[in-house]
Amino acid sequence: MPLPAPSVSVCIPVNRGEPYLAESIRSVLDQTYRDFELVVLDNASPDRADIIARRVGDVRIRVERTPSPVPQSEHWNRAVQLSRAQLVKLVRPTDLLHPRCLDMQVNPMEADPGLALVAARRHLIDDQSRVVIPRRGLTGLTGVRTGVEVARRVVRSRSNPIGEPAGVLFRREDFFAAGGWRGDRAFTMDLDLWMRLLQFGEFLGLPEPLAASRMLRTAPDERRAVLDEQRLLLEEIAETDTFSVRGIDLTLGRLFSPTGRFKRRAVAAVAG
């Protein structure tokens, strides 16, 4: 007889995740909120990631493995497909959760069916798990916000103020209705999904830092690709009728983009 579904599923899609996986798993298992399952999906990694996950020996862990490596979006979608709960959080194997993360995010989602996303601030940490940048994200987005408010803030910031998946809790039903993670969003998969999910309900931003995302090195050419893809996504958000993004939001976003900042510094240098 199958076990009853838990209240929340935490999914860790692993791809060559051996260095940090044990610490990530431990941060999930140490949650004060207990009614959850942990789904670890190894992407046919050549390292010992799946062995590390299986050795933990906690009944709440389910370890699966793809027969062969698949693209990131397919891997992440499959991890959510394996989940059983109505509420889902995806955690990368490099990231960590605060012990009260689920406690503080699940309760508001269960109390208010009108919420599509609950997000929290996060710390940015180094490869030794030391906090490098504390309390990152959600500038102007704490409290309950409509999708329109979030979209306008996102377009103005020209960034992802909501943050990485570890800091976000969403509804499984909305995830599949929205189409899941998109493979053509290599660098903006998270923000792209958050905005599509916000067409199903409202947003709650928690001021507490409840997750930690590891800062990993990015090649210069990849940084340029990230900015280019982000620019295209922001323009797409601005054109979505649901979000009613205004011309002033686009103008301010362009002004405060990396290119805009460079232009302002150049003008100031000439004027000085």
C-alpha atoms as a PDB file:
ATOM      1  CA  MET A   1       0.000   0.000   0.000  1.00  0.00           C
ATOM      2  CA  PRO A   2       1.525   3.363  -1.022  1.00  0.00           C
ATOM      3  CA  LEU A   3       2.452   5.831   1.700  1.00  0.00           C
ATOM      4  CA  PRO A   4       0.347   9.014   1.957  1.00  0.00           C
ATOM      5  CA  ALA A   5       1.823  11.982   0.123  1.00  0.00           C
ATOM      6  CA  PRO A   6       3.793  14.426   2.292  1.00  0.00           C
ATOM      7  CA  SER A   7       2.955  18.128   2.497  1.00  0.00           C
ATOM      8  CA  VAL A   8       6.032  19.190   0.544  1.00  0.00           C
ATOM      9  CA  SER A   9       8.601  17.644  -1.785  1.00  0.00           C
ATOM     10  CA  VAL A  10      12.187  18.868  -1.887  1.00  0.00           C
ATOM     11  CA  CYS A  11      13.887  17.867  -5.136  1.00  0.00           C
ATOM     12  CA  ILE A  12      17.652  17.834  -5.662  1.00  0.00           C
ATOM     13  CA  PRO A  13      18.641  17.233  -9.302  1.00  0.00           C
ATOM     14  CA  VAL A  14      22.289  16.179  -9.202  1.00  0.00           C
ATOM     15  CA  ASN A  15      24.791  16.455 -12.037  1.00  0.00           C
ATOM     16  CA  ARG A  16      28.387  15.810 -10.940  1.00  0.00           C
ATOM     17  CA  GLY A  17      27.384  17.019  -7.487  1.00  0.00           C
ATOM     18  CA  GLU A  18      29.762  15.015  -5.298  1.00  0.00           C
ATOM     19  CA  PRO A  19      31.684  17.920  -3.649  1.00  0.00           C
ATOM     20  CA  TYR A  20      28.705  19.590  -1.945  1.00  0.00           C
ATOM     21  CA  LEU A  21      25.838  17.076  -2.077  1.00  0.00           C
ATOM     22  CA  ALA A  22      26.175  15.640   1.441  1.00  0.00           C
ATOM     23  CA  GLU A  23      26.029  19.127   2.979  1.00  0.00           C
ATOM     24  CA  SER A  24      23.015  20.043   0.853  1.00  0.00           C
ATOM     25  CA  ILE A  25      21.143  16.867   1.827  1.00  0.00           C
ATOM     26  CA  ARG A  26      21.916  17.438   5.498  1.00  0.00           C
ATOM     27  CA  SER A  27      20.513  20.985   5.333  1.00  0.00           C
ATOM     28  CA  VAL A  28      17.223  19.525   4.036  1.00  0.00           C
ATOM     29  CA  LEU A  29      17.036  16.729   6.597  1.00  0.00           C
ATOM     30  CA  ASP A  30      17.682  19.208   9.422  1.00  0.00           C
ATOM     31  CA  GLN A  31      14.436  21.090   8.743  1.00  0.00           C
ATOM     32  CA  THR A  32      12.226  21.864  11.736  1.00  0.00           C
ATOM     33  CA  TYR A  33       9.243  21.117   9.460  1.00  0.00           C
ATOM     34  CA  ARG A  34       9.100  17.318   9.267  1.00  0.00           C
ATOM     35  CA  ASP A  35       6.354  16.350   6.791  1.00  0.00           C
ATOM     36  CA  PHE A  36       8.424  16.278   3.617  1.00  0.00           C
ATOM     37  CA  GLU A  37      10.099  13.926   1.187  1.00  0.00           C
ATOM     38  CA  LEU A  38      13.500  14.430  -0.421  1.00  0.00           C
ATOM     39  CA  VAL A  39      13.813  13.319  -4.045  1.00  0.00           C
ATOM     40  CA  VAL A  40      17.407  13.072  -5.304  1.00  0.00           C
ATOM     41  CA  LEU A  41      17.665  12.537  -9.059  1.00  0.00           C
ATOM     42  CA  ASP A  42      21.167  11.789 -10.307  1.00  0.00           C
ATOM     43  CA  ASN A  43      21.750  12.660 -13.963  1.00  0.00           C
ATOM     44  CA  ALA A  44      23.827   9.528 -14.704  1.00  0.00           C
ATOM     45  CA  SER A  45      26.798  11.324 -13.158  1.00  0.00           C
ATOM     46  CA  PRO A  46      30.202   9.636 -13.423  1.00  0.00           C
ATOM     47  CA  ASP A  47      31.064  10.600  -9.825  1.00  0.00           C
ATOM     48  CA  ARG A  48      29.831   9.140  -6.512  1.00  0.00           C
ATOM     49  CA  ALA A  49      26.826  11.453  -6.081  1.00  0.00           C
ATOM     50  CA  ASP A  50      24.160   8.731  -6.050  1.00  0.00           C
ATOM     51  CA  ILE A  51      26.240   6.603  -3.660  1.00  0.00           C
ATOM     52  CA  ILE A  52      26.542   9.570  -1.281  1.00  0.00           C
ATOM     53  CA  ALA A  53      22.760  10.087  -1.362  1.00  0.00           C
ATOM     54  CA  ARG A  54      21.972   6.396  -0.778  1.00  0.00           C
ATOM     55  CA  ARG A  55      24.373   6.162   2.163  1.00  0.00           C
ATOM     56  CA  VAL A  56      22.462   8.767   4.164  1.00  0.00           C
ATOM     57  CA  GLY A  57      19.903   6.118   5.077  1.00  0.00           C
ATOM     58  CA  ASP A  58      16.935   8.359   5.884  1.00  0.00           C
ATOM     59  CA  VAL A  59      13.460   7.000   5.077  1.00  0.00           C
ATOM     60  CA  ARG A  60      12.420  10.393   3.698  1.00  0.00           C
ATOM     61  CA  ILE A  61      14.969  10.162   0.869  1.00  0.00           C
ATOM     62  CA  ARG A  62      14.172   8.646  -2.513  1.00  0.00           C
ATOM     63  CA  VAL A  63      17.188   8.322  -4.828  1.00  0.00           C
ATOM     64  CA  GLU A  64      16.602   7.937  -8.568  1.00  0.00           C
ATOM     65  CA  ARG A  65      18.994   7.939 -11.516  1.00  0.00           C
ATOM     66  CA  THR A  66      18.505   8.734 -15.199  1.00  0.00           C
ATOM     67  CA  PRO A  67      19.632   5.914 -17.546  1.00  0.00           C
ATOM     68  CA  SER A  68      21.825   8.391 -19.442  1.00  0.00           C
ATOM     69  CA  PRO A  69      22.603  12.124 -19.113  1.00  0.00           C
ATOM     70  CA  VAL A  70      19.819  14.498 -20.180  1.00  0.00           C
ATOM     71  CA  PRO A  71      19.753  18.312 -20.638  1.00  0.00           C
ATOM     72  CA  GLN A  72      19.354  20.426 -17.506  1.00  0.00           C
ATOM     73  CA  SER A  73      15.748  21.447 -18.143  1.00  0.00           C
ATOM     74  CA  GLU A  74      14.700  17.831 -18.740  1.00  0.00           C
ATOM     75  CA  HIS A  75      16.606  16.747 -15.637  1.00  0.00           C
ATOM     76  CA  TRP A  76      14.920  19.364 -13.432  1.00  0.00           C
ATOM     77  CA  ASN A  77      11.474  18.650 -14.906  1.00  0.00           C
ATOM     78  CA  ARG A  78      11.922  14.940 -14.251  1.00  0.00           C
ATOM     79  CA  ALA A  79      12.851  15.675 -10.620  1.00  0.00           C
ATOM     80  CA  VAL A  80       9.554  17.524 -10.124  1.00  0.00           C
ATOM     81  CA  GLN A  81       7.650  14.759 -11.937  1.00  0.00           C
ATOM     82  CA  LEU A  82       8.986  12.300  -9.347  1.00  0.00           C
ATOM     83  CA  SER A  83       7.621  14.423  -6.495  1.00  0.00           C
ATOM     84  CA  ARG A  84       4.387  13.446  -4.723  1.00  0.00           C
ATOM     85  CA  ALA A  85       3.464  16.552  -2.707  1.00  0.00           C
ATOM     86  CA  GLN A  86       1.342  19.499  -3.789  1.00  0.00           C
ATOM     87  CA  LEU A  87       4.090  21.930  -2.733  1.00  0.00           C
ATOM     88  CA  VAL A  88       7.557  21.666  -4.267  1.00  0.00           C
ATOM     89  CA  LYS A  89      10.994  23.175  -3.743  1.00  0.00           C
ATOM     90  CA  LEU A  90      13.981  22.488  -5.995  1.00  0.00           C
ATOM     91  CA  VAL A  91      17.433  22.717  -4.421  1.00  0.00           C
ATOM     92  CA  ARG A  92      20.623  22.565  -6.429  1.00  0.00           C
ATOM     93  CA  PRO A  93      23.281  20.261  -4.906  1.00  0.00           C
ATOM     94  CA  THR A  94      25.504  23.300  -4.284  1.00  0.00           C
ATOM     95  CA  ASP A  95      22.851  25.134  -2.223  1.00  0.00           C
ATOM     96  CA  LEU A  96      21.738  24.989   1.400  1.00  0.00           C
ATOM     97  CA  LEU A  97      18.507  25.551   3.331  1.00  0.00           C
ATOM     98  CA  HIS A  98      18.103  27.288   6.677  1.00  0.00           C
ATOM     99  CA  PRO A  99      16.592  24.854   9.244  1.00  0.00           C
ATOM    100  CA  ARG A 100      13.321  26.840   9.325  1.00  0.00           C
ATOM    101  CA  CYS A 101      13.008  27.309   5.562  1.00  0.00           C
ATOM    102  CA  LEU A 102      10.160  24.850   5.015  1.00  0.00           C
ATOM    103  CA  ASP A 103       8.461  25.845   8.268  1.00  0.00           C
ATOM    104  CA  MET A 104       8.265  29.486   7.220  1.00  0.00           C
ATOM    105  CA  GLN A 105       7.295  28.860   3.592  1.00  0.00           C
ATOM    106  CA  VAL A 106       4.883  25.908   3.703  1.00  0.00           C
ATOM    107  CA  ASN A 107       2.542  27.398   6.308  1.00  0.00           C
ATOM    108  CA  PRO A 108       1.642  30.556   4.316  1.00  0.00           C
ATOM    109  CA  MET A 109       1.148  28.513   1.127  1.00  0.00           C
ATOM    110  CA  GLU A 110      -1.221  26.133   2.901  1.00  0.00           C
ATOM    111  CA  ALA A 111      -3.092  29.002   4.574  1.00  0.00           C
ATOM    112  CA  ASP A 112      -3.591  31.052   1.394  1.00  0.00           C
ATOM    113  CA  PRO A 113      -4.553  29.189  -1.817  1.00  0.00           C
ATOM    114  CA  GLY A 114      -4.175  32.456  -3.718  1.00  0.00           C
ATOM    115  CA  LEU A 115      -0.383  32.367  -3.341  1.00  0.00           C
ATOM    116  CA  ALA A 116       1.546  30.951  -6.298  1.00  0.00           C
ATOM    117  CA  LEU A 117       5.054  31.562  -4.928  1.00  0.00           C
ATOM    118  CA  VAL A 118       6.676  32.086  -1.551  1.00  0.00           C
ATOM    119  CA  ALA A 119      10.261  33.314  -1.773  1.00  0.00           C
ATOM    120  CA  ALA A 120      12.851  34.301   0.813  1.00  0.00           C
ATOM    121  CA  ARG A 121      16.091  36.212   0.824  1.00  0.00           C
ATOM    122  CA  ARG A 122      19.258  34.126   0.624  1.00  0.00           C
ATOM    123  CA  HIS A 123      22.930  34.383   1.502  1.00  0.00           C
ATOM    124  CA  LEU A 124      25.572  34.007  -1.178  1.00  0.00           C
ATOM    125  CA  ILE A 125      28.306  31.643   0.043  1.00  0.00           C
ATOM    126  CA  ASP A 126      31.735  30.538  -1.182  1.00  0.00           C
ATOM    127  CA  ASP A 127      33.075  27.021  -1.741  1.00  0.00           C
ATOM    128  CA  GLN A 128      33.765  26.741   2.009  1.00  0.00           C
ATOM    129  CA  SER A 129      30.134  27.657   2.825  1.00  0.00           C
ATOM    130  CA  ARG A 130      31.176  31.010   4.256  1.00  0.00           C
ATOM    131  CA  VAL A 131      28.740  33.891   3.751  1.00  0.00           C
ATOM    132  CA  VAL A 132      30.171  36.299   1.184  1.00  0.00           C
ATOM    133  CA  ILE A 133      27.100  38.462   0.532  1.00  0.00           C
ATOM    134  CA  PRO A 134      24.350  38.301   3.197  1.00  0.00           C
ATOM    135  CA  ARG A 135      20.597  38.795   2.809  1.00  0.00           C
ATOM    136  CA  ARG A 136      20.504  38.935  -0.981  1.00  0.00           C
ATOM    137  CA  GLY A 137      17.397  39.628  -3.071  1.00  0.00           C
ATOM    138  CA  LEU A 138      13.738  40.698  -2.804  1.00  0.00           C
ATOM    139  CA  THR A 139      14.463  44.421  -2.845  1.00  0.00           C
ATOM    140  CA  GLY A 140      11.019  46.024  -2.848  1.00  0.00           C
ATOM    141  CA  LEU A 141       9.347  42.618  -2.954  1.00  0.00           C
ATOM    142  CA  THR A 142       8.730  41.630   0.670  1.00  0.00           C
ATOM    143  CA  GLY A 143       5.167  40.990   1.785  1.00  0.00           C
ATOM    144  CA  VAL A 144       2.285  39.956  -0.478  1.00  0.00           C
ATOM    145  CA  ARG A 145       2.635  41.264  -4.046  1.00  0.00           C
ATOM    146  CA  THR A 146       0.630  40.818  -7.215  1.00  0.00           C
ATOM    147  CA  GLY A 147       2.220  39.419 -10.364  1.00  0.00           C
ATOM    148  CA  VAL A 148       1.988  42.921 -11.860  1.00  0.00           C
ATOM    149  CA  GLU A 149       3.998  44.415  -8.977  1.00  0.00           C
ATOM    150  CA  VAL A 150       6.635  41.704  -9.257  1.00  0.00           C
ATOM    151  CA  ALA A 151       6.923  42.038 -13.041  1.00  0.00           C
ATOM    152  CA  ARG A 152       7.398  45.800 -12.827  1.00  0.00           C
ATOM    153  CA  ARG A 153      10.102  45.376 -10.174  1.00  0.00           C
ATOM    154  CA  VAL A 154      11.854  42.691 -12.231  1.00  0.00           C
ATOM    155  CA  VAL A 155      11.863  44.824 -15.383  1.00  0.00           C
ATOM    156  CA  ARG A 156      13.116  47.864 -13.477  1.00  0.00           C
ATOM    157  CA  SER A 157      15.907  45.892 -11.807  1.00  0.00           C
ATOM    158  CA  ARG A 158      17.007  44.175 -15.046  1.00  0.00           C
ATOM    159  CA  SER A 159      17.858  41.179 -12.874  1.00  0.00           C
ATOM    160  CA  ASN A 160      16.340  38.279 -10.934  1.00  0.00           C
ATOM    161  CA  PRO A 161      15.365  39.803  -7.564  1.00  0.00           C
ATOM    162  CA  ILE A 162      13.366  36.665  -6.689  1.00  0.00           C
ATOM    163  CA  GLY A 163      16.453  34.477  -6.693  1.00  0.00           C
ATOM    164  CA  GLU A 164      17.498  30.889  -7.222  1.00  0.00           C
ATOM    165  CA  PRO A 165      15.192  27.863  -6.738  1.00  0.00           C
ATOM    166  CA  ALA A 166      16.377  27.009  -3.204  1.00  0.00           C
ATOM    167  CA  GLY A 167      14.714  30.150  -1.883  1.00  0.00           C
ATOM    168  CA  VAL A 168      11.363  29.540  -3.605  1.00  0.00           C
ATOM    169  CA  LEU A 169       8.378  27.274  -2.902  1.00  0.00           C
ATOM    170  CA  PHE A 170       5.719  26.676  -5.579  1.00  0.00           C
ATOM    171  CA  ARG A 171       2.680  24.528  -6.301  1.00  0.00           C
ATOM    172  CA  ARG A 172       3.146  21.344  -8.292  1.00  0.00           C
ATOM    173  CA  GLU A 173      -0.151  21.810 -10.148  1.00  0.00           C
ATOM    174  CA  ASP A 174       0.849  25.315 -11.290  1.00  0.00           C
ATOM    175  CA  PHE A 175       4.279  24.059 -12.352  1.00  0.00           C
ATOM    176  CA  PHE A 176       2.839  21.634 -14.888  1.00  0.00           C
ATOM    177  CA  ALA A 177       0.149  24.069 -16.011  1.00  0.00           C
ATOM    178  CA  ALA A 178       2.900  26.615 -16.716  1.00  0.00           C
ATOM    179  CA  GLY A 179       4.950  24.107 -18.705  1.00  0.00           C
ATOM    180  CA  GLY A 180       7.820  23.539 -16.259  1.00  0.00           C
ATOM    181  CA  TRP A 181      11.442  24.505 -16.849  1.00  0.00           C
ATOM    182  CA  ARG A 182      12.120  25.614 -20.439  1.00  0.00           C
ATOM    183  CA  GLY A 183      15.093  24.209 -22.293  1.00  0.00           C
ATOM    184  CA  ASP A 184      15.612  27.363 -24.346  1.00  0.00           C
ATOM    185  CA  ARG A 185      16.323  29.360 -21.165  1.00  0.00           C
ATOM    186  CA  ALA A 186      19.795  28.076 -20.369  1.00  0.00           C
ATOM    187  CA  PHE A 187      20.696  30.962 -18.034  1.00  0.00           C
ATOM    188  CA  THR A 188      17.303  32.316 -16.941  1.00  0.00           C
ATOM    189  CA  MET A 189      15.338  29.112 -16.287  1.00  0.00           C
ATOM    190  CA  ASP A 190      14.452  30.168 -12.753  1.00  0.00           C
ATOM    191  CA  LEU A 191      13.212  33.721 -13.415  1.00  0.00           C
ATOM    192  CA  ASP A 192      11.364  32.564 -16.545  1.00  0.00           C
ATOM    193  CA  LEU A 193       9.472  29.950 -14.495  1.00  0.00           C
ATOM    194  CA  TRP A 194       8.732  32.306 -11.591  1.00  0.00           C
ATOM    195  CA  MET A 195       7.068  34.803 -13.908  1.00  0.00           C
ATOM    196  CA  ARG A 196       4.966  32.142 -15.631  1.00  0.00           C
ATOM    197  CA  LEU A 197       3.872  30.793 -12.245  1.00  0.00           C
ATOM    198  CA  LEU A 198       2.811  34.286 -11.155  1.00  0.00           C
ATOM    199  CA  GLN A 199       0.082  34.176 -13.779  1.00  0.00           C
ATOM    200  CA  PHE A 200      -1.646  31.667 -11.437  1.00  0.00           C
ATOM    201  CA  GLY A 201      -1.561  33.673  -8.211  1.00  0.00           C
ATOM    202  CA  GLU A 202       0.189  36.129  -5.945  1.00  0.00           C
ATOM    203  CA  PHE A 203       3.694  36.370  -4.519  1.00  0.00           C
ATOM    204  CA  LEU A 204       4.869  36.409  -0.900  1.00  0.00           C
ATOM    205  CA  GLY A 205       8.369  37.648  -0.167  1.00  0.00           C
ATOM    206  CA  LEU A 206       9.857  36.785   3.231  1.00  0.00           C
ATOM    207  CA  PRO A 207      12.567  39.140   4.540  1.00  0.00           C
ATOM    208  CA  GLU A 208      14.435  36.384   6.389  1.00  0.00           C
ATOM    209  CA  PRO A 209      17.380  34.695   4.606  1.00  0.00           C
ATOM    210  CA  LEU A 210      16.202  31.061   4.434  1.00  0.00           C
ATOM    211  CA  ALA A 211      18.572  29.617   1.822  1.00  0.00           C
ATOM    212  CA  ALA A 212      22.173  29.933   0.688  1.00  0.00           C
ATOM    213  CA  SER A 213      23.365  29.844  -2.925  1.00  0.00           C
ATOM    214  CA  ARG A 214      26.959  29.036  -3.700  1.00  0.00           C
ATOM    215  CA  MET A 215      28.912  31.479  -5.849  1.00  0.00           C
ATOM    216  CA  LEU A 216      30.650  29.550  -8.610  1.00  0.00           C
ATOM    217  CA  ARG A 217      33.025  30.980 -11.187  1.00  0.00           C
ATOM    218  CA  THR A 218      31.533  32.075 -14.508  1.00  0.00           C
ATOM    219  CA  ALA A 219      33.550  32.523 -17.711  1.00  0.00           C
ATOM    220  CA  PRO A 220      33.459  36.029 -19.282  1.00  0.00           C
ATOM    221  CA  ASP A 221      31.776  34.783 -22.473  1.00  0.00           C
ATOM    222  CA  GLU A 222      29.128  33.027 -20.368  1.00  0.00           C
ATOM    223  CA  ARG A 223      28.450  36.230 -18.430  1.00  0.00           C
ATOM    224  CA  ARG A 224      27.745  37.992 -21.725  1.00  0.00           C
ATOM    225  CA  ALA A 225      25.389  35.172 -22.756  1.00  0.00           C
ATOM    226  CA  VAL A 226      23.577  35.506 -19.410  1.00  0.00           C
ATOM    227  CA  LEU A 227      23.049  39.243 -19.922  1.00  0.00           C
ATOM    228  CA  ASP A 228      21.839  38.755 -23.495  1.00  0.00           C
ATOM    229  CA  GLU A 229      19.344  36.061 -22.530  1.00  0.00           C
ATOM    230  CA  GLN A 230      18.197  38.055 -19.524  1.00  0.00           C
ATOM    231  CA  ARG A 231      17.573  41.102 -21.704  1.00  0.00           C
ATOM    232  CA  LEU A 232      15.401  39.070 -24.075  1.00  0.00           C
ATOM    233  CA  LEU A 233      13.410  37.573 -21.203  1.00  0.00           C
ATOM    234  CA  LEU A 234      12.797  40.970 -19.620  1.00  0.00           C
ATOM    235  CA  GLU A 235      11.536  42.357 -22.912  1.00  0.00           C
ATOM    236  CA  GLU A 236       9.210  39.343 -23.165  1.00  0.00           C
ATOM    237  CA  ILE A 237       7.894  39.944 -19.634  1.00  0.00           C
ATOM    238  CA  ALA A 238       7.278  43.587 -20.501  1.00  0.00           C
ATOM    239  CA  GLU A 239       5.165  42.542 -23.490  1.00  0.00           C
ATOM    240  CA  THR A 240       3.015  40.078 -21.514  1.00  0.00           C
ATOM    241  CA  ASP A 241      -0.481  41.584 -21.210  1.00  0.00           C
ATOM    242  CA  THR A 242      -1.058  39.918 -17.824  1.00  0.00           C
ATOM    243  CA  PHE A 243       1.671  41.976 -16.159  1.00  0.00           C
ATOM    244  CA  SER A 244       0.817  45.465 -17.476  1.00  0.00           C
ATOM    245  CA  VAL A 245       4.442  46.625 -17.446  1.00  0.00           C
ATOM    246  CA  ARG A 246       4.588  50.367 -18.108  1.00  0.00           C
ATOM    247  CA  GLY A 247       6.881  52.381 -20.324  1.00  0.00           C
ATOM    248  CA  ILE A 248       8.497  53.985 -17.271  1.00  0.00           C
ATOM    249  CA  ASP A 249       9.440  50.521 -15.966  1.00  0.00           C
ATOM    250  CA  LEU A 250      11.231  49.697 -19.212  1.00  0.00           C
ATOM    251  CA  THR A 251      12.930  53.091 -19.324  1.00  0.00           C
ATOM    252  CA  LEU A 252      14.237  52.818 -15.772  1.00  0.00           C
ATOM    253  CA  GLY A 253      15.322  49.233 -16.377  1.00  0.00           C
ATOM    254  CA  ARG A 254      17.352  50.199 -19.405  1.00  0.00           C
ATOM    255  CA  LEU A 255      18.869  53.133 -17.531  1.00  0.00           C
ATOM    256  CA  PHE A 256      20.003  50.926 -14.659  1.00  0.00           C
ATOM    257  CA  SER A 257      21.182  48.017 -16.803  1.00  0.00           C
ATOM    258  CA  PRO A 258      24.962  47.299 -16.905  1.00  0.00           C
ATOM    259  CA  THR A 259      25.134  49.239 -20.191  1.00  0.00           C
ATOM    260  CA  GLY A 260      23.149  52.103 -18.690  1.00  0.00           C
ATOM    261  CA  ARG A 261      25.468  52.301 -15.677  1.00  0.00           C
ATOM    262  CA  PHE A 262      28.469  52.464 -17.985  1.00  0.00           C
ATOM    263  CA  LYS A 263      26.858  55.305 -19.941  1.00  0.00           C
ATOM    264  CA  ARG A 264      26.117  57.257 -16.759  1.00  0.00           C
ATOM    265  CA  ARG A 265      29.706  56.890 -15.544  1.00  0.00           C
ATOM    266  CA  ALA A 266      30.996  58.065 -18.916  1.00  0.00           C
ATOM    267  CA  VAL A 267      28.714  61.105 -18.873  1.00  0.00           C
ATOM    268  CA  ALA A 268      29.765  61.938 -15.307  1.00  0.00           C
ATOM    269  CA  ALA A 269      33.447  61.656 -16.251  1.00  0.00           C
ATOM    270  CA  VAL A 270      33.005  64.047 -19.177  1.00  0.00           C
ATOM    271  CA  ALA A 271      30.915  66.455 -17.130  1.00  0.00           C
ATOM    272  CA  GLY A 272      33.462  66.443 -14.304  1.00  0.00           C
END
